Amino acid sequence: MELSVVVPVYNSEQSLPELVERLQPVLGSAAEHFELILVNDASGDRSWEVVASLAAGHPWIRGVNLTRNYGQHNALLCGIRKARYETIVTMDDDLQNPPEEIPKLLEELDRGNDVVYGVPESERHGLFRDLASQVTKLALQRAMGAETARNISAFRAFRTQLREAFAGYSSAFVSIDVLLTWGTSRFAMIRVRHDRRRFGESNYTLRRLFTHTMNMLTGFTTLPLRFASFLGFALTVFGAGVLVYVVGRYLIQGTPVQGFPFLASTIAIFSGTQLFVLGIMGEYLARMHLRIMDKPTYLVREETGAE
């Protein structure tokens, strides 16, 4: 087997040496040829210096330094496109994904699957982070159209040939998991160990998770537009019902419906709904605008390591 491991790097100068130390024996026993691609996503610490040093001392390590912070999935896409071997494993840089669990992913991949996710036996995040992650996975399930989306993680193994399905993808909004569905429907998951974070703090805040969810919903699915259409239809029916009530009361009782608060509330509901729907349409138009601008998915400043 030939194996490429892709790791997006962000403010992880402390964990990278141990990650490499633990990866080397695992990859050496799992694959005949292997490589580690560390993609530095414009870290604010000395991560790139550490990557360059590791690449200089290990011929199987390659480093890629991006010009600015593009995001985890954009950095992953960069590394995936630079991978040279038949199988790709992606994992985080914080050692919460134990390198020793990689053989489990590869074994499941050999059972006829194209993508295998390593799902934590138990999450090691806080309550709000776990809740936000579940909401994000629900959104991703709609975007992917696959039940496996409920069990996704950053710890995944897949066949390199799948990248041909999104070789021409150039949008600034990237979701690796959605892109993988463009090439296959053979997904699987297994339970793996998930360790506590020992260095630094998670870079996935609630705000970033919310932004990622919105990017998936408006960038890879028309679900929000369908929801807007349904909401508009439901409120049209509601408005028709109010009209029937007002006219019917006038015809039966001979008196108009009293109450300015009722009228004001009805107007507020309809006005708010119109603004909400316009906001959804605006999100789609904004993404079309960015596509027309041809904003790059990522830009590489420099590379180091084996050619």
C-alpha atoms as a PDB file:
ATOM      1  CA  MET A   1       0.000   0.000   0.000  1.00  0.00           C
ATOM      2  CA  GLU A   2       1.041   3.585  -0.674  1.00  0.00           C
ATOM      3  CA  LEU A   3      -0.281   6.157   1.767  1.00  0.00           C
ATOM      4  CA  SER A   4      -0.456   9.949   1.974  1.00  0.00           C
ATOM      5  CA  VAL A   5      -1.400  11.612   5.280  1.00  0.00           C
ATOM      6  CA  VAL A   6      -2.664  15.193   5.019  1.00  0.00           C
ATOM      7  CA  VAL A   7      -2.729  17.395   8.123  1.00  0.00           C
ATOM      8  CA  PRO A   8      -3.901  21.038   8.136  1.00  0.00           C
ATOM      9  CA  VAL A   9      -1.718  22.987  10.564  1.00  0.00           C
ATOM     10  CA  TYR A  10      -2.807  25.998  12.591  1.00  0.00           C
ATOM     11  CA  ASN A  11      -1.013  27.207  15.734  1.00  0.00           C
ATOM     12  CA  SER A  12       0.284  23.758  16.606  1.00  0.00           C
ATOM     13  CA  GLU A  13       4.031  24.168  17.034  1.00  0.00           C
ATOM     14  CA  GLN A  14       3.904  22.181  20.284  1.00  0.00           C
ATOM     15  CA  SER A  15       2.066  19.116  18.988  1.00  0.00           C
ATOM     16  CA  LEU A  16       3.739  18.641  15.586  1.00  0.00           C
ATOM     17  CA  PRO A  17       6.970  16.938  16.785  1.00  0.00           C
ATOM     18  CA  GLU A  18       5.027  14.349  18.782  1.00  0.00           C
ATOM     19  CA  LEU A  19       2.597  13.853  15.886  1.00  0.00           C
ATOM     20  CA  VAL A  20       5.494  13.017  13.550  1.00  0.00           C
ATOM     21  CA  GLU A  21       7.147  10.779  16.144  1.00  0.00           C
ATOM     22  CA  ARG A  22       3.965   8.736  16.580  1.00  0.00           C
ATOM     23  CA  LEU A  23       3.099   8.654  12.876  1.00  0.00           C
ATOM     24  CA  GLN A  24       6.414   7.239  11.643  1.00  0.00           C
ATOM     25  CA  PRO A  25       6.155   3.703  13.111  1.00  0.00           C
ATOM     26  CA  VAL A  26       2.451   3.481  12.258  1.00  0.00           C
ATOM     27  CA  LEU A  27       2.946   4.453   8.618  1.00  0.00           C
ATOM     28  CA  GLY A  28       6.070   2.324   8.343  1.00  0.00           C
ATOM     29  CA  SER A  29       4.147  -0.800   9.291  1.00  0.00           C
ATOM     30  CA  ALA A  30       0.982   0.049   7.323  1.00  0.00           C
ATOM     31  CA  ALA A  31       2.424   1.099   3.960  1.00  0.00           C
ATOM     32  CA  GLU A  32       5.370   0.342   1.707  1.00  0.00           C
ATOM     33  CA  HIS A  33       5.598   3.972   0.601  1.00  0.00           C
ATOM     34  CA  PHE A  34       4.181   6.860   2.604  1.00  0.00           C
ATOM     35  CA  GLU A  35       4.324  10.623   3.016  1.00  0.00           C
ATOM     36  CA  LEU A  36       3.078  13.284   5.400  1.00  0.00           C
ATOM     37  CA  ILE A  37       1.843  16.582   3.964  1.00  0.00           C
ATOM     38  CA  LEU A  38       1.629  19.394   6.528  1.00  0.00           C
ATOM     39  CA  VAL A  39      -0.326  22.389   5.215  1.00  0.00           C
ATOM     40  CA  ASN A  40       0.269  25.499   7.330  1.00  0.00           C
ATOM     41  CA  ASP A  41      -2.843  27.675   7.235  1.00  0.00           C
ATOM     42  CA  ALA A  42      -1.067  30.957   8.102  1.00  0.00           C
ATOM     43  CA  SER A  43      -0.476  30.072  11.745  1.00  0.00           C
ATOM     44  CA  GLY A  44       0.201  32.881  14.177  1.00  0.00           C
ATOM     45  CA  ASP A  45       2.944  30.985  16.016  1.00  0.00           C
ATOM     46  CA  ARG A  46       6.127  29.215  14.845  1.00  0.00           C
ATOM     47  CA  SER A  47       4.281  26.327  13.218  1.00  0.00           C
ATOM     48  CA  TRP A  48       5.813  26.910   9.787  1.00  0.00           C
ATOM     49  CA  GLU A  49       9.348  26.959  11.205  1.00  0.00           C
ATOM     50  CA  VAL A  50       8.600  23.643  12.935  1.00  0.00           C
ATOM     51  CA  VAL A  51       7.163  22.187   9.717  1.00  0.00           C
ATOM     52  CA  ALA A  52      10.253  23.260   7.744  1.00  0.00           C
ATOM     53  CA  SER A  53      12.537  21.745  10.382  1.00  0.00           C
ATOM     54  CA  LEU A  54      10.630  18.443  10.398  1.00  0.00           C
ATOM     55  CA  ALA A  55      10.663  18.288   6.588  1.00  0.00           C
ATOM     56  CA  ALA A  56      14.424  18.890   6.566  1.00  0.00           C
ATOM     57  CA  GLY A  57      14.997  16.012   8.959  1.00  0.00           C
ATOM     58  CA  HIS A  58      12.513  13.530   7.485  1.00  0.00           C
ATOM     59  CA  PRO A  59      12.490  12.843   3.726  1.00  0.00           C
ATOM     60  CA  TRP A  60       8.911  11.545   3.891  1.00  0.00           C
ATOM     61  CA  ILE A  61       7.529  14.882   5.126  1.00  0.00           C
ATOM     62  CA  ARG A  62       6.440  17.716   2.838  1.00  0.00           C
ATOM     63  CA  GLY A  63       5.429  21.173   4.017  1.00  0.00           C
ATOM     64  CA  VAL A  64       3.112  23.668   2.310  1.00  0.00           C
ATOM     65  CA  ASN A  65       2.745  27.247   3.560  1.00  0.00           C
ATOM     66  CA  LEU A  66      -0.383  29.177   2.533  1.00  0.00           C
ATOM     67  CA  THR A  67      -0.308  32.946   2.055  1.00  0.00           C
ATOM     68  CA  ARG A  68      -3.153  33.586   4.513  1.00  0.00           C
ATOM     69  CA  ASN A  69      -5.687  31.775   6.647  1.00  0.00           C
ATOM     70  CA  TYR A  70      -8.131  30.106   4.248  1.00  0.00           C
ATOM     71  CA  GLY A  71      -9.757  27.649   6.653  1.00  0.00           C
ATOM     72  CA  GLN A  72      -9.350  23.994   7.538  1.00  0.00           C
ATOM     73  CA  HIS A  73     -11.168  22.533   4.532  1.00  0.00           C
ATOM     74  CA  ASN A  74      -9.365  24.780   2.057  1.00  0.00           C
ATOM     75  CA  ALA A  75      -6.029  23.702   3.532  1.00  0.00           C
ATOM     76  CA  LEU A  76      -7.145  20.073   3.312  1.00  0.00           C
ATOM     77  CA  LEU A  77      -8.068  20.497  -0.354  1.00  0.00           C
ATOM     78  CA  CYS A  78      -4.601  21.890  -1.020  1.00  0.00           C
ATOM     79  CA  GLY A  79      -2.949  18.885   0.625  1.00  0.00           C
ATOM     80  CA  ILE A  80      -5.270  16.394  -1.082  1.00  0.00           C
ATOM     81  CA  ARG A  81      -4.369  17.780  -4.489  1.00  0.00           C
ATOM     82  CA  LYS A  82      -0.651  17.437  -3.702  1.00  0.00           C
ATOM     83  CA  ALA A  83      -0.894  13.849  -2.438  1.00  0.00           C
ATOM     84  CA  ARG A  84       1.064  11.352  -4.546  1.00  0.00           C
ATOM     85  CA  TYR A  85      -0.118   7.975  -3.298  1.00  0.00           C
ATOM     86  CA  GLU A  86      -3.185   5.787  -3.812  1.00  0.00           C
ATOM     87  CA  THR A  87      -4.775   6.272  -0.377  1.00  0.00           C
ATOM     88  CA  ILE A  88      -5.215   9.487   1.629  1.00  0.00           C
ATOM     89  CA  VAL A  89      -5.731   9.836   5.366  1.00  0.00           C
ATOM     90  CA  THR A  90      -6.681  13.215   6.835  1.00  0.00           C
ATOM     91  CA  MET A  91      -6.416  14.060  10.507  1.00  0.00           C
ATOM     92  CA  ASP A  92      -6.151  17.031  12.876  1.00  0.00           C
ATOM     93  CA  ASP A  93      -2.884  18.414  14.185  1.00  0.00           C
ATOM     94  CA  ASP A  94      -3.825  18.386  17.889  1.00  0.00           C
ATOM     95  CA  LEU A  95      -3.323  14.636  18.537  1.00  0.00           C
ATOM     96  CA  GLN A  96      -6.978  14.124  19.417  1.00  0.00           C
ATOM     97  CA  ASN A  97      -7.006  11.741  16.447  1.00  0.00           C
ATOM     98  CA  PRO A  98      -4.534   9.050  17.603  1.00  0.00           C
ATOM     99  CA  PRO A  99      -2.183   8.032  14.756  1.00  0.00           C
ATOM    100  CA  GLU A 100      -2.289   4.482  16.130  1.00  0.00           C
ATOM    101  CA  GLU A 101      -5.913   4.223  14.958  1.00  0.00           C
ATOM    102  CA  ILE A 102      -5.042   4.699  11.264  1.00  0.00           C
ATOM    103  CA  PRO A 103      -4.781   0.911  10.550  1.00  0.00           C
ATOM    104  CA  LYS A 104      -8.436   0.562  11.577  1.00  0.00           C
ATOM    105  CA  LEU A 105      -9.454   3.031   8.877  1.00  0.00           C
ATOM    106  CA  LEU A 106      -7.333   1.282   6.257  1.00  0.00           C
ATOM    107  CA  GLU A 107      -8.744  -2.126   7.181  1.00  0.00           C
ATOM    108  CA  GLU A 108     -12.301  -0.851   6.763  1.00  0.00           C
ATOM    109  CA  LEU A 109     -11.339   0.804   3.471  1.00  0.00           C
ATOM    110  CA  ASP A 110     -10.145  -2.566   2.138  1.00  0.00           C
ATOM    111  CA  ARG A 111     -13.637  -4.002   2.631  1.00  0.00           C
ATOM    112  CA  GLY A 112     -14.904  -2.336  -0.528  1.00  0.00           C
ATOM    113  CA  ASN A 113     -15.496   1.173   0.786  1.00  0.00           C
ATOM    114  CA  ASP A 114     -14.234   4.373  -0.811  1.00  0.00           C
ATOM    115  CA  VAL A 115     -14.432   6.649   2.255  1.00  0.00           C
ATOM    116  CA  VAL A 116     -14.126   5.657   5.915  1.00  0.00           C
ATOM    117  CA  TYR A 117     -14.632   8.007   8.882  1.00  0.00           C
ATOM    118  CA  GLY A 118     -13.112   7.434  12.276  1.00  0.00           C
ATOM    119  CA  VAL A 119     -15.885   8.440  14.667  1.00  0.00           C
ATOM    120  CA  PRO A 120     -14.923   9.127  18.311  1.00  0.00           C
ATOM    121  CA  GLU A 121     -16.136   6.597  20.846  1.00  0.00           C
ATOM    122  CA  SER A 122     -16.807   9.607  23.064  1.00  0.00           C
ATOM    123  CA  GLU A 123     -16.428  13.301  22.288  1.00  0.00           C
ATOM    124  CA  ARG A 124     -13.819  15.271  24.239  1.00  0.00           C
ATOM    125  CA  HIS A 125     -15.267  18.728  23.685  1.00  0.00           C
ATOM    126  CA  GLY A 126     -17.436  20.968  25.816  1.00  0.00           C
ATOM    127  CA  LEU A 127     -21.238  20.762  25.923  1.00  0.00           C
ATOM    128  CA  PHE A 128     -21.872  23.732  23.628  1.00  0.00           C
ATOM    129  CA  ARG A 129     -19.188  22.628  21.155  1.00  0.00           C
ATOM    130  CA  ASP A 130     -20.689  19.134  20.998  1.00  0.00           C
ATOM    131  CA  LEU A 131     -24.175  20.587  20.470  1.00  0.00           C
ATOM    132  CA  ALA A 132     -22.930  22.896  17.719  1.00  0.00           C
ATOM    133  CA  SER A 133     -21.146  19.959  16.076  1.00  0.00           C
ATOM    134  CA  GLN A 134     -24.370  17.959  15.982  1.00  0.00           C
ATOM    135  CA  VAL A 135     -26.233  20.856  14.364  1.00  0.00           C
ATOM    136  CA  THR A 136     -23.441  21.166  11.794  1.00  0.00           C
ATOM    137  CA  LYS A 137     -23.660  17.441  11.026  1.00  0.00           C
ATOM    138  CA  LEU A 138     -27.411  17.728  10.477  1.00  0.00           C
ATOM    139  CA  ALA A 139     -26.769  20.515   7.976  1.00  0.00           C
ATOM    140  CA  LEU A 140     -24.060  18.437   6.333  1.00  0.00           C
ATOM    141  CA  GLN A 141     -26.420  15.489   6.050  1.00  0.00           C
ATOM    142  CA  ARG A 142     -28.759  17.639   3.979  1.00  0.00           C
ATOM    143  CA  ALA A 143     -25.887  18.927   1.865  1.00  0.00           C
ATOM    144  CA  MET A 144     -24.363  15.473   1.284  1.00  0.00           C
ATOM    145  CA  GLY A 145     -27.623  13.617   0.904  1.00  0.00           C
ATOM    146  CA  ALA A 146     -26.065  10.691   2.776  1.00  0.00           C
ATOM    147  CA  GLU A 147     -26.927   9.149   6.139  1.00  0.00           C
ATOM    148  CA  THR A 148     -23.194   8.780   6.845  1.00  0.00           C
ATOM    149  CA  ALA A 149     -23.010  12.547   7.256  1.00  0.00           C
ATOM    150  CA  ARG A 150     -24.266  12.119  10.826  1.00  0.00           C
ATOM    151  CA  ASN A 151     -21.029  10.245  11.577  1.00  0.00           C
ATOM    152  CA  ILE A 152     -18.408  12.362   9.846  1.00  0.00           C
ATOM    153  CA  SER A 153     -15.167  13.518  11.414  1.00  0.00           C
ATOM    154  CA  ALA A 154     -11.876  15.110  10.402  1.00  0.00           C
ATOM    155  CA  PHE A 155     -10.272  11.667  10.797  1.00  0.00           C
ATOM    156  CA  ARG A 156     -10.984  10.002   7.446  1.00  0.00           C
ATOM    157  CA  ALA A 157      -9.411   7.696   4.875  1.00  0.00           C
ATOM    158  CA  PHE A 158     -10.358   7.599   1.208  1.00  0.00           C
ATOM    159  CA  ARG A 159      -9.118   6.561  -2.194  1.00  0.00           C
ATOM    160  CA  THR A 160      -7.080   9.254  -3.921  1.00  0.00           C
ATOM    161  CA  GLN A 161      -8.864   8.726  -7.239  1.00  0.00           C
ATOM    162  CA  LEU A 162     -11.970  10.388  -5.752  1.00  0.00           C
ATOM    163  CA  ARG A 163     -10.311  13.801  -6.083  1.00  0.00           C
ATOM    164  CA  GLU A 164     -10.847  13.583  -9.843  1.00  0.00           C
ATOM    165  CA  ALA A 165     -14.550  14.227  -9.174  1.00  0.00           C
ATOM    166  CA  PHE A 166     -13.745  17.716  -7.893  1.00  0.00           C
ATOM    167  CA  ALA A 167     -10.538  18.426  -9.822  1.00  0.00           C
ATOM    168  CA  GLY A 168     -12.062  21.557 -11.348  1.00  0.00           C
ATOM    169  CA  TYR A 169     -13.585  22.900  -8.139  1.00  0.00           C
ATOM    170  CA  SER A 170     -12.429  26.478  -7.520  1.00  0.00           C
ATOM    171  CA  SER A 171     -14.895  28.083  -5.104  1.00  0.00           C
ATOM    172  CA  ALA A 172     -13.621  29.777  -1.945  1.00  0.00           C
ATOM    173  CA  PHE A 173     -16.215  27.817   0.058  1.00  0.00           C
ATOM    174  CA  VAL A 174     -15.007  24.235   0.568  1.00  0.00           C
ATOM    175  CA  SER A 175     -16.473  21.206   2.324  1.00  0.00           C
ATOM    176  CA  ILE A 176     -14.319  18.129   1.749  1.00  0.00           C
ATOM    177  CA  ASP A 177     -17.089  15.802   2.899  1.00  0.00           C
ATOM    178  CA  VAL A 178     -19.565  17.184   0.353  1.00  0.00           C
ATOM    179  CA  LEU A 179     -16.962  17.048  -2.412  1.00  0.00           C
ATOM    180  CA  LEU A 180     -16.287  13.378  -1.659  1.00  0.00           C
ATOM    181  CA  THR A 181     -19.959  12.578  -2.336  1.00  0.00           C
ATOM    182  CA  TRP A 182     -19.424  13.808  -5.880  1.00  0.00           C
ATOM    183  CA  GLY A 183     -17.211  10.796  -6.504  1.00  0.00           C
ATOM    184  CA  THR A 184     -18.790   7.939  -4.547  1.00  0.00           C
ATOM    185  CA  SER A 185     -21.656   6.697  -2.400  1.00  0.00           C
ATOM    186  CA  ARG A 186     -19.606   4.002  -0.630  1.00  0.00           C
ATOM    187  CA  PHE A 187     -19.164   5.520   2.817  1.00  0.00           C
ATOM    188  CA  ALA A 188     -18.466   3.734   6.084  1.00  0.00           C
ATOM    189  CA  MET A 189     -17.592   4.575   9.663  1.00  0.00           C
ATOM    190  CA  ILE A 190     -15.843   2.887  12.557  1.00  0.00           C
ATOM    191  CA  ARG A 191     -15.421   3.825  16.204  1.00  0.00           C
ATOM    192  CA  VAL A 192     -11.956   5.026  17.206  1.00  0.00           C
ATOM    193  CA  ARG A 193     -10.300   6.431  20.281  1.00  0.00           C
ATOM    194  CA  HIS A 194     -10.490  10.177  20.764  1.00  0.00           C
ATOM    195  CA  ASP A 195      -7.937  11.717  23.111  1.00  0.00           C
ATOM    196  CA  ARG A 196      -8.111  14.946  25.030  1.00  0.00           C
ATOM    197  CA  ARG A 197      -6.456  18.009  23.557  1.00  0.00           C
ATOM    198  CA  ARG A 198      -3.133  18.535  25.322  1.00  0.00           C
ATOM    199  CA  PHE A 199      -1.817  21.612  23.548  1.00  0.00           C
ATOM    200  CA  GLY A 200      -3.572  24.955  23.033  1.00  0.00           C
ATOM    201  CA  GLU A 201      -7.285  25.448  22.486  1.00  0.00           C
ATOM    202  CA  SER A 202      -9.671  24.431  19.735  1.00  0.00           C
ATOM    203  CA  ASN A 203      -9.870  26.870  16.824  1.00  0.00           C
ATOM    204  CA  TYR A 204     -13.427  25.798  16.026  1.00  0.00           C
ATOM    205  CA  THR A 205     -15.506  28.320  17.954  1.00  0.00           C
ATOM    206  CA  LEU A 206     -19.304  28.413  17.915  1.00  0.00           C
ATOM    207  CA  ARG A 207     -19.129  31.292  15.454  1.00  0.00           C
ATOM    208  CA  ARG A 208     -16.914  29.352  13.057  1.00  0.00           C
ATOM    209  CA  LEU A 209     -19.141  26.291  13.299  1.00  0.00           C
ATOM    210  CA  PHE A 210     -22.183  28.436  12.506  1.00  0.00           C
ATOM    211  CA  THR A 211     -20.388  30.029   9.553  1.00  0.00           C
ATOM    212  CA  HIS A 212     -19.341  26.605   8.279  1.00  0.00           C
ATOM    213  CA  THR A 213     -22.925  25.355   8.573  1.00  0.00           C
ATOM    214  CA  MET A 214     -24.267  28.323   6.609  1.00  0.00           C
ATOM    215  CA  ASN A 215     -21.598  27.844   3.943  1.00  0.00           C
ATOM    216  CA  MET A 216     -22.619  24.214   3.519  1.00  0.00           C
ATOM    217  CA  LEU A 217     -26.340  24.948   3.381  1.00  0.00           C
ATOM    218  CA  THR A 218     -26.122  27.827   0.916  1.00  0.00           C
ATOM    219  CA  GLY A 219     -23.067  26.596  -0.991  1.00  0.00           C
ATOM    220  CA  PHE A 220     -23.938  22.951  -1.637  1.00  0.00           C
ATOM    221  CA  THR A 221     -27.730  22.598  -1.391  1.00  0.00           C
ATOM    222  CA  THR A 222     -30.945  24.424  -2.312  1.00  0.00           C
ATOM    223  CA  LEU A 223     -32.640  23.477   0.968  1.00  0.00           C
ATOM    224  CA  PRO A 224     -32.812  27.097   2.278  1.00  0.00           C
ATOM    225  CA  LEU A 225     -34.516  28.223  -0.938  1.00  0.00           C
ATOM    226  CA  ARG A 226     -37.034  25.412  -0.631  1.00  0.00           C
ATOM    227  CA  PHE A 227     -37.645  26.383   2.990  1.00  0.00           C
ATOM    228  CA  ALA A 228     -38.196  29.999   1.911  1.00  0.00           C
ATOM    229  CA  SER A 229     -40.726  28.839  -0.704  1.00  0.00           C
ATOM    230  CA  PHE A 230     -42.552  26.711   1.851  1.00  0.00           C
ATOM    231  CA  LEU A 231     -42.571  29.560   4.375  1.00  0.00           C
ATOM    232  CA  GLY A 232     -43.929  31.967   1.776  1.00  0.00           C
ATOM    233  CA  PHE A 233     -46.680  29.508   0.830  1.00  0.00           C
ATOM    234  CA  ALA A 234     -47.604  28.860   4.473  1.00  0.00           C
ATOM    235  CA  LEU A 235     -47.896  32.564   5.250  1.00  0.00           C
ATOM    236  CA  THR A 236     -49.907  33.141   2.081  1.00  0.00           C
ATOM    237  CA  VAL A 237     -52.375  30.539   3.345  1.00  0.00           C
ATOM    238  CA  PHE A 238     -52.343  32.251   6.740  1.00  0.00           C
ATOM    239  CA  GLY A 239     -53.016  35.637   5.112  1.00  0.00           C
ATOM    240  CA  ALA A 240     -55.881  34.177   3.086  1.00  0.00           C
ATOM    241  CA  GLY A 241     -57.344  32.717   6.264  1.00  0.00           C
ATOM    242  CA  VAL A 242     -57.166  36.098   7.993  1.00  0.00           C
ATOM    243  CA  LEU A 243     -58.911  37.699   5.018  1.00  0.00           C
ATOM    244  CA  VAL A 244     -61.698  35.096   5.085  1.00  0.00           C
ATOM    245  CA  TYR A 245     -62.132  35.679   8.816  1.00  0.00           C
ATOM    246  CA  VAL A 246     -62.343  39.472   8.456  1.00  0.00           C
ATOM    247  CA  VAL A 247     -64.720  39.400   5.485  1.00  0.00           C
ATOM    248  CA  GLY A 248     -66.815  36.589   6.990  1.00  0.00           C
ATOM    249  CA  ARG A 249     -67.236  38.413  10.277  1.00  0.00           C
ATOM    250  CA  TYR A 250     -68.283  41.580   8.467  1.00  0.00           C
ATOM    251  CA  LEU A 251     -70.858  39.718   6.334  1.00  0.00           C
ATOM    252  CA  ILE A 252     -72.263  37.678   9.234  1.00  0.00           C
ATOM    253  CA  GLN A 253     -72.156  40.191  12.095  1.00  0.00           C
ATOM    254  CA  GLY A 254     -72.122  43.397  10.122  1.00  0.00           C
ATOM    255  CA  THR A 255     -69.153  44.797  12.082  1.00  0.00           C
ATOM    256  CA  PRO A 256     -65.470  45.041  11.119  1.00  0.00           C
ATOM    257  CA  VAL A 257     -62.752  43.329  13.153  1.00  0.00           C
ATOM    258  CA  GLN A 258     -61.420  45.673  15.822  1.00  0.00           C
ATOM    259  CA  GLY A 259     -57.862  45.953  17.011  1.00  0.00           C
ATOM    260  CA  PHE A 260     -54.824  47.825  15.812  1.00  0.00           C
ATOM    261  CA  PRO A 261     -52.464  45.395  17.641  1.00  0.00           C
ATOM    262  CA  PHE A 262     -53.819  42.508  15.561  1.00  0.00           C
ATOM    263  CA  LEU A 263     -53.226  44.421  12.334  1.00  0.00           C
ATOM    264  CA  ALA A 264     -49.763  45.549  13.396  1.00  0.00           C
ATOM    265  CA  SER A 265     -48.746  42.014  14.395  1.00  0.00           C
ATOM    266  CA  THR A 266     -49.909  40.613  11.064  1.00  0.00           C
ATOM    267  CA  ILE A 267     -47.964  43.237   9.139  1.00  0.00           C
ATOM    268  CA  ALA A 268     -44.864  42.590  11.238  1.00  0.00           C
ATOM    269  CA  ILE A 269     -45.048  38.850  10.553  1.00  0.00           C
ATOM    270  CA  PHE A 270     -45.296  39.317   6.812  1.00  0.00           C
ATOM    271  CA  SER A 271     -42.632  42.030   6.692  1.00  0.00           C
ATOM    272  CA  GLY A 272     -40.214  39.961   8.757  1.00  0.00           C
ATOM    273  CA  THR A 273     -40.797  36.926   6.547  1.00  0.00           C
ATOM    274  CA  GLN A 274     -40.112  38.951   3.421  1.00  0.00           C
ATOM    275  CA  LEU A 275     -36.824  40.216   4.849  1.00  0.00           C
ATOM    276  CA  PHE A 276     -35.882  36.694   5.943  1.00  0.00           C
ATOM    277  CA  VAL A 277     -36.507  35.254   2.482  1.00  0.00           C
ATOM    278  CA  LEU A 278     -34.634  38.133   0.867  1.00  0.00           C
ATOM    279  CA  GLY A 279     -31.730  37.381   3.205  1.00  0.00           C
ATOM    280  CA  ILE A 280     -31.620  33.755   2.030  1.00  0.00           C
ATOM    281  CA  MET A 281     -31.676  34.862  -1.593  1.00  0.00           C
ATOM    282  CA  GLY A 282     -28.934  37.367  -0.768  1.00  0.00           C
ATOM    283  CA  GLU A 283     -26.709  34.582   0.598  1.00  0.00           C
ATOM    284  CA  TYR A 284     -26.968  32.721  -2.694  1.00  0.00           C
ATOM    285  CA  LEU A 285     -26.360  35.869  -4.721  1.00  0.00           C
ATOM    286  CA  ALA A 286     -23.293  36.660  -2.589  1.00  0.00           C
ATOM    287  CA  ARG A 287     -21.820  33.250  -3.341  1.00  0.00           C
ATOM    288  CA  MET A 288     -22.549  33.680  -7.049  1.00  0.00           C
ATOM    289  CA  HIS A 289     -20.839  37.071  -6.865  1.00  0.00           C
ATOM    290  CA  LEU A 290     -17.753  35.552  -5.241  1.00  0.00           C
ATOM    291  CA  ARG A 291     -17.652  32.790  -7.858  1.00  0.00           C
ATOM    292  CA  ILE A 292     -17.753  35.403 -10.608  1.00  0.00           C
ATOM    293  CA  MET A 293     -14.900  37.251  -8.900  1.00  0.00           C
ATOM    294  CA  ASP A 294     -12.984  33.960  -9.060  1.00  0.00           C
ATOM    295  CA  LYS A 295     -11.673  34.282  -5.511  1.00  0.00           C
ATOM    296  CA  PRO A 296      -8.986  31.585  -5.090  1.00  0.00           C
ATOM    297  CA  THR A 297      -9.606  28.518  -2.953  1.00  0.00           C
ATOM    298  CA  TYR A 298      -6.077  28.898  -1.563  1.00  0.00           C
ATOM    299  CA  LEU A 299      -2.703  30.303  -2.576  1.00  0.00           C
ATOM    300  CA  VAL A 300       0.626  28.660  -1.751  1.00  0.00           C
ATOM    301  CA  ARG A 301       3.467  30.918  -0.563  1.00  0.00           C
ATOM    302  CA  GLU A 302       6.182  28.258  -0.393  1.00  0.00           C
ATOM    303  CA  GLU A 303       6.806  24.541  -0.124  1.00  0.00           C
ATOM    304  CA  THR A 304       9.487  22.482   1.520  1.00  0.00           C
ATOM    305  CA  GLY A 305      10.467  18.834   1.667  1.00  0.00           C
ATOM    306  CA  ALA A 306      10.864  16.044  -0.872  1.00  0.00           C
ATOM    307  CA  GLU A 307      10.206  16.869  -4.503  1.00  0.00           C
END
